[in-house]
PDB file of N, CA and C in Angstrom:
ATOM      1  N   MET A   1      36.767 -82.084 -92.619  1.00  0.00           N
ATOM      2  CA  MET A   1      35.816 -83.139 -93.122  1.00  0.00           C
ATOM      3  C   MET A   1      35.799 -84.356 -92.205  1.00  0.00           C
ATOM      4  N   ALA A   2      34.592 -84.999 -91.976  1.00  0.00           N
ATOM      5  CA  ALA A   2      34.634 -85.993 -91.257  1.00  0.00           C
ATOM      6  C   ALA A   2      35.219 -87.189 -91.722  1.00  0.00           C
ATOM      7  N   ASN A   3      35.539 -88.300 -90.748  1.00  0.00           N
ATOM      8  CA  ASN A   3      35.986 -89.372 -91.034  1.00  0.00           C
ATOM      9  C   ASN A   3      34.925 -90.407 -91.791  1.00  0.00           C
ATOM     10  N   ALA A   4      35.150 -91.195 -92.504  1.00  0.00           N
ATOM     11  CA  ALA A   4      34.254 -92.383 -93.131  1.00  0.00           C
ATOM     12  C   ALA A   4      34.600 -93.580 -92.562  1.00  0.00           C
ATOM     13  N   HIS A   5      33.503 -94.433 -92.459  1.00  0.00           N
ATOM     14  CA  HIS A   5      33.759 -95.753 -92.072  1.00  0.00           C
ATOM     15  C   HIS A   5      33.647 -96.522 -93.206  1.00  0.00           C
ATOM     16  N   LYS A   6      34.470 -97.581 -93.630  1.00  0.00           N
ATOM     17  CA  LYS A   6      34.265 -98.422 -94.562  1.00  0.00           C
ATOM     18  C   LYS A   6      34.726 -99.816 -94.508  1.00  0.00           C
ATOM     19  N   LEU A   7      33.882-100.670 -95.320  1.00  0.00           N
ATOM     20  CA  LEU A   7      34.101-102.092 -95.272  1.00  0.00           C
ATOM     21  C   LEU A   7      34.229-102.144 -96.734  1.00  0.00           C
ATOM     22  N   ASP A   8      35.358-102.881 -97.056  1.00  0.00           N
ATOM     23  CA  ASP A   8      35.775-103.456 -98.338  1.00  0.00           C
ATOM     24  C   ASP A   8      35.809-104.978 -98.448  1.00  0.00           C
ATOM     25  N   CYS A   9      34.789-105.658 -98.800  1.00  0.00           N
ATOM     26  CA  CYS A   9      34.987-107.048 -98.877  1.00  0.00           C
ATOM     27  C   CYS A   9      35.975-107.645 -99.710  1.00  0.00           C
ATOM     28  N   GLU A  10      36.083-106.694-100.868  1.00  0.00           N
ATOM     29  CA  GLU A  10      37.277-107.067-101.710  1.00  0.00           C
ATOM     30  C   GLU A  10      38.761-107.564-101.022  1.00  0.00           C
ATOM     31  N   ALA A  11      38.887-106.529 -99.967  1.00  0.00           N
ATOM     32  CA  ALA A  11      39.959-106.728 -99.543  1.00  0.00           C
ATOM     33  C   ALA A  11      40.358-108.104 -98.749  1.00  0.00           C
ATOM     34  N   VAL A  12      39.188-108.612 -98.105  1.00  0.00           N
ATOM     35  CA  VAL A  12      39.364-110.070 -97.570  1.00  0.00           C
ATOM     36  C   VAL A  12      38.754-111.197 -98.416  1.00  0.00           C
ATOM     37  N   SER A  13      38.091-110.739 -99.662  1.00  0.00           N
ATOM     38  CA  SER A  13      37.465-112.035-100.399  1.00  0.00           C
ATOM     39  C   SER A  13      37.804-111.772-101.781  1.00  0.00           C
ATOM     40  N   ASP A  14      38.130-112.746-102.486  1.00  0.00           N
ATOM     41  CA  ASP A  14      38.578-112.658-104.008  1.00  0.00           C
ATOM     42  C   ASP A  14      37.214-112.934-104.835  1.00  0.00           C
ATOM     43  N   THR A  15      36.052-113.147-104.046  1.00  0.00           N
ATOM     44  CA  THR A  15      34.819-113.283-105.011  1.00  0.00           C
ATOM     45  C   THR A  15      33.688-112.100-104.577  1.00  0.00           C
ATOM     46  N   CYS A  16      33.983-111.245-103.859  1.00  0.00           N
ATOM     47  CA  CYS A  16      33.068-110.225-103.325  1.00  0.00           C
ATOM     48  C   CYS A  16      33.796-108.851-103.621  1.00  0.00           C
ATOM     49  N   ARG A  17      32.873-108.040-104.259  1.00  0.00           N
ATOM     50  CA  ARG A  17      33.521-106.584-104.608  1.00  0.00           C
ATOM     51  C   ARG A  17      32.664-105.511-103.974  1.00  0.00           C
ATOM     52  N   PHE A  18      31.868-105.884-102.833  1.00  0.00           N
ATOM     53  CA  PHE A  18      31.040-104.989-102.106  1.00  0.00           C
ATOM     54  C   PHE A  18      31.803-104.111-101.290  1.00  0.00           C
ATOM     55  N   ILE A  19      31.404-102.596-101.385  1.00  0.00           N
ATOM     56  CA  ILE A  19      32.257-101.818-100.668  1.00  0.00           C
ATOM     57  C   ILE A  19      31.141-100.866 -99.949  1.00  0.00           C
ATOM     58  N   ILE A  20      31.211-100.578 -98.689  1.00  0.00           N
ATOM     59  CA  ILE A  20      30.183 -99.571 -97.931  1.00  0.00           C
ATOM     60  C   ILE A  20      31.314 -98.560 -97.601  1.00  0.00           C
ATOM     61  N   GLN A  21      30.780 -97.440 -97.569  1.00  0.00           N
ATOM     62  CA  GLN A  21      31.520 -96.120 -97.044  1.00  0.00           C
ATOM     63  C   GLN A  21      30.511 -95.216 -96.646  1.00  0.00           C
ATOM     64  N   SER A  22      30.487 -94.747 -95.643  1.00  0.00           N
ATOM     65  CA  SER A  22      29.800 -93.884 -94.717  1.00  0.00           C
ATOM     66  C   SER A  22      30.387 -92.878 -93.690  1.00  0.00           C
ATOM     67  N   GLU A  23      30.046 -91.616 -93.478  1.00  0.00           N
ATOM     68  CA  GLU A  23      30.486 -90.762 -92.546  1.00  0.00           C
ATOM     69  C   GLU A  23      29.799 -91.205 -91.015  1.00  0.00           C
ATOM     70  N   ASP A  24      28.531 -91.907 -91.300  1.00  0.00           N
ATOM     71  CA  ASP A  24      27.677 -92.185 -90.016  1.00  0.00           C
ATOM     72  C   ASP A  24      28.232 -93.653 -89.760  1.00  0.00           C
ATOM     73  N   GLU A  25      28.927 -94.123 -88.678  1.00  0.00           N
ATOM     74  CA  GLU A  25      29.228 -95.127 -88.290  1.00  0.00           C
ATOM     75  C   GLU A  25      28.090 -96.092 -88.079  1.00  0.00           C
ATOM     76  N   GLU A  26      27.108 -95.918 -87.454  1.00  0.00           N
ATOM     77  CA  GLU A  26      26.121 -96.712 -87.173  1.00  0.00           C
ATOM     78  C   GLU A  26      25.470 -97.216 -88.426  1.00  0.00           C
ATOM     79  N   GLU A  27      25.194 -96.203 -89.539  1.00  0.00           N
ATOM     80  CA  GLU A  27      24.801 -96.647 -90.769  1.00  0.00           C
ATOM     81  C   GLU A  27      25.817 -97.724 -91.333  1.00  0.00           C
ATOM     82  N   ALA A  28      26.895 -97.349 -91.349  1.00  0.00           N
ATOM     83  CA  ALA A  28      28.169 -98.418 -91.948  1.00  0.00           C
ATOM     84  C   ALA A  28      27.907 -99.825 -91.347  1.00  0.00           C
ATOM     85  N   VAL A  29      27.684 -99.812 -90.062  1.00  0.00           N
ATOM     86  CA  VAL A  29      27.693-101.023 -89.342  1.00  0.00           C
ATOM     87  C   VAL A  29      26.425-101.905 -89.537  1.00  0.00           C
ATOM     88  N   GLU A  30      25.256-101.111 -89.685  1.00  0.00           N
ATOM     89  CA  GLU A  30      23.904-101.700 -90.111  1.00  0.00           C
ATOM     90  C   GLU A  30      24.160-102.276 -91.385  1.00  0.00           C
ATOM     91  N   LEU A  31      24.722-101.469 -92.403  1.00  0.00           N
ATOM     92  CA  LEU A  31      24.654-101.946 -93.849  1.00  0.00           C
ATOM     93  C   LEU A  31      25.585-103.273 -93.932  1.00  0.00           C
ATOM     94  N   ALA A  32      26.792-103.030 -93.180  1.00  0.00           N
ATOM     95  CA  ALA A  32      27.834-104.255 -93.046  1.00  0.00           C
ATOM     96  C   ALA A  32      27.288-105.343 -92.636  1.00  0.00           C
ATOM     97  N   GLN A  33      26.533-105.264 -91.376  1.00  0.00           N
ATOM     98  CA  GLN A  33      25.750-106.489 -90.761  1.00  0.00           C
ATOM     99  C   GLN A  33      24.623-107.302 -91.991  1.00  0.00           C
ATOM    100  N   LYS A  34      24.011-106.268 -92.645  1.00  0.00           N
ATOM    101  CA  LYS A  34      23.035-106.940 -93.737  1.00  0.00           C
ATOM    102  C   LYS A  34      23.839-107.613 -94.455  1.00  0.00           C
ATOM    103  N   HIS A  35      24.772-107.002 -95.141  1.00  0.00           N
ATOM    104  CA  HIS A  35      25.713-107.557 -96.146  1.00  0.00           C
ATOM    105  C   HIS A  35      26.174-108.988 -95.883  1.00  0.00           C
ATOM    106  N   MET A  36      26.774-108.840 -94.516  1.00  0.00           N
ATOM    107  CA  MET A  36      27.414-110.119 -94.236  1.00  0.00           C
ATOM    108  C   MET A  36      26.491-111.173 -93.912  1.00  0.00           C
ATOM    109  N   LYS A  37      25.418-110.862 -93.697  1.00  0.00           N
ATOM    110  CA  LYS A  37      24.329-111.842 -93.321  1.00  0.00           C
ATOM    111  C   LYS A  37      23.731-112.432 -94.541  1.00  0.00           C
ATOM    112  N   ASN A  38      23.253-111.284 -95.304  1.00  0.00           N
ATOM    113  CA  ASN A  38      22.631-111.921 -96.617  1.00  0.00           C
ATOM    114  C   ASN A  38      23.236-112.490 -97.740  1.00  0.00           C
ATOM    115  N   VAL A  39      24.610-112.068 -97.709  1.00  0.00           N
ATOM    116  CA  VAL A  39      25.404-112.377 -98.824  1.00  0.00           C
ATOM    117  C   VAL A  39      26.420-113.464 -98.450  1.00  0.00           C
ATOM    118  N   HIS A  40      26.939-113.413 -97.436  1.00  0.00           N
ATOM    119  CA  HIS A  40      27.939-114.375 -96.945  1.00  0.00           C
ATOM    120  C   HIS A  40      27.377-115.310 -95.736  1.00  0.00           C
ATOM    121  N   GLY A  41      26.287-115.218 -95.230  1.00  0.00           N
ATOM    122  CA  GLY A  41      25.475-115.998 -94.259  1.00  0.00           C
ATOM    123  C   GLY A  41      26.280-116.097 -92.922  1.00  0.00           C
ATOM    124  N   GLN A  42      26.856-114.970 -92.535  1.00  0.00           N
ATOM    125  CA  GLN A  42      27.721-114.871 -91.402  1.00  0.00           C
ATOM    126  C   GLN A  42      26.979-113.658 -90.587  1.00  0.00           C
ATOM    127  N   GLU A  43      26.812-113.815 -89.221  1.00  0.00           N
ATOM    128  CA  GLU A  43      26.220-112.682 -88.489  1.00  0.00           C
ATOM    129  C   GLU A  43      27.458-112.223 -87.544  1.00  0.00           C
ATOM    130  N   TYR A  44      27.712-111.001 -87.746  1.00  0.00           N
ATOM    131  CA  TYR A  44      28.397-110.280 -86.545  1.00  0.00           C
ATOM    132  C   TYR A  44      27.866-109.194 -85.715  1.00  0.00           C
ATOM    133  N   THR A  45      28.376-108.923 -84.754  1.00  0.00           N
ATOM    134  CA  THR A  45      28.063-107.763 -83.740  1.00  0.00           C
ATOM    135  C   THR A  45      28.653-106.550 -84.071  1.00  0.00           C
ATOM    136  N   GLY A  46      28.089-105.521 -83.799  1.00  0.00           N
ATOM    137  CA  GLY A  46      28.775-104.102 -84.266  1.00  0.00           C
ATOM    138  C   GLY A  46      30.099-103.976 -83.927  1.00  0.00           C
ATOM    139  N   ASP A  47      30.434-104.650 -82.539  1.00  0.00           N
ATOM    140  CA  ASP A  47      31.809-104.472 -82.045  1.00  0.00           C
ATOM    141  C   ASP A  47      32.793-105.396 -82.816  1.00  0.00           C
ATOM    142  N   GLU A  48      32.200-106.602 -83.373  1.00  0.00           N
ATOM    143  CA  GLU A  48      33.155-107.519 -84.129  1.00  0.00           C
ATOM    144  C   GLU A  48      33.444-106.856 -85.590  1.00  0.00           C
ATOM    145  N   LEU A  49      32.355-106.229 -86.137  1.00  0.00           N
ATOM    146  CA  LEU A  49      32.603-105.623 -87.559  1.00  0.00           C
ATOM    147  C   LEU A  49      33.585-104.447 -87.332  1.00  0.00           C
ATOM    148  N   ARG A  50      33.462-103.575 -86.181  1.00  0.00           N
ATOM    149  CA  ARG A  50      34.389-102.479 -85.901  1.00  0.00           C
ATOM    150  C   ARG A  50      35.681-102.882 -85.947  1.00  0.00           C
ATOM    151  N   GLU A  51      36.052-103.925 -85.095  1.00  0.00           N
ATOM    152  CA  GLU A  51      37.355-104.488 -84.707  1.00  0.00           C
ATOM    153  C   GLU A  51      37.901-105.138 -86.047  1.00  0.00           C
ATOM    154  N   GLU A  52      37.194-105.794 -86.782  1.00  0.00           N
ATOM    155  CA  GLU A  52      37.875-106.917 -87.873  1.00  0.00           C
ATOM    156  C   GLU A  52      37.660-106.353 -88.985  1.00  0.00           C
ATOM    157  N   TYR A  53      36.715-105.532 -89.557  1.00  0.00           N
ATOM    158  CA  TYR A  53      36.337-105.170 -90.943  1.00  0.00           C
ATOM    159  C   TYR A  53      36.260-103.636 -91.209  1.00  0.00           C
ATOM    160  N   LEU A  54      35.722-102.959 -90.279  1.00  0.00           N
ATOM    161  CA  LEU A  54      35.461-101.401 -90.708  1.00  0.00           C
ATOM    162  C   LEU A  54      36.757-100.702 -90.451  1.00  0.00           C
ATOM    163  N   GLN A  55      37.091-100.019 -91.434  1.00  0.00           N
ATOM    164  CA  GLN A  55      38.319 -98.981 -91.530  1.00  0.00           C
ATOM    165  C   GLN A  55      37.782 -97.610 -91.372  1.00  0.00           C
ATOM    166  N   VAL A  56      38.395 -96.698 -90.767  1.00  0.00           N
ATOM    167  CA  VAL A  56      38.172 -95.431 -90.670  1.00  0.00           C
ATOM    168  C   VAL A  56      39.190 -94.794 -91.733  1.00  0.00           C
ATOM    169  N   VAL A  57      38.686 -94.156 -92.747  1.00  0.00           N
ATOM    170  CA  VAL A  57      39.280 -93.388 -93.772  1.00  0.00           C
ATOM    171  C   VAL A  57      39.124 -91.855 -93.780  1.00  0.00           C
TER     172      VAL A  57
END
C-alpha cells in the first residue's frame, strides 16, 4: 500500500474542517496550495507545505 499525503486544516485551525488526502504528493501539494490561498488568503511554496502541514500517513 502506498503512503498517502494528508493536509488536515482542523488540526491547526478551530474554524476549518478541510482535509486533503492523496497518494500523489504533487496533487496533495497543489490542492493544499489552492485551499490555503482561496480560503485562508495565504500563499505557501510546495516545500513550506511539505515541511509545515503535509503529513505522510
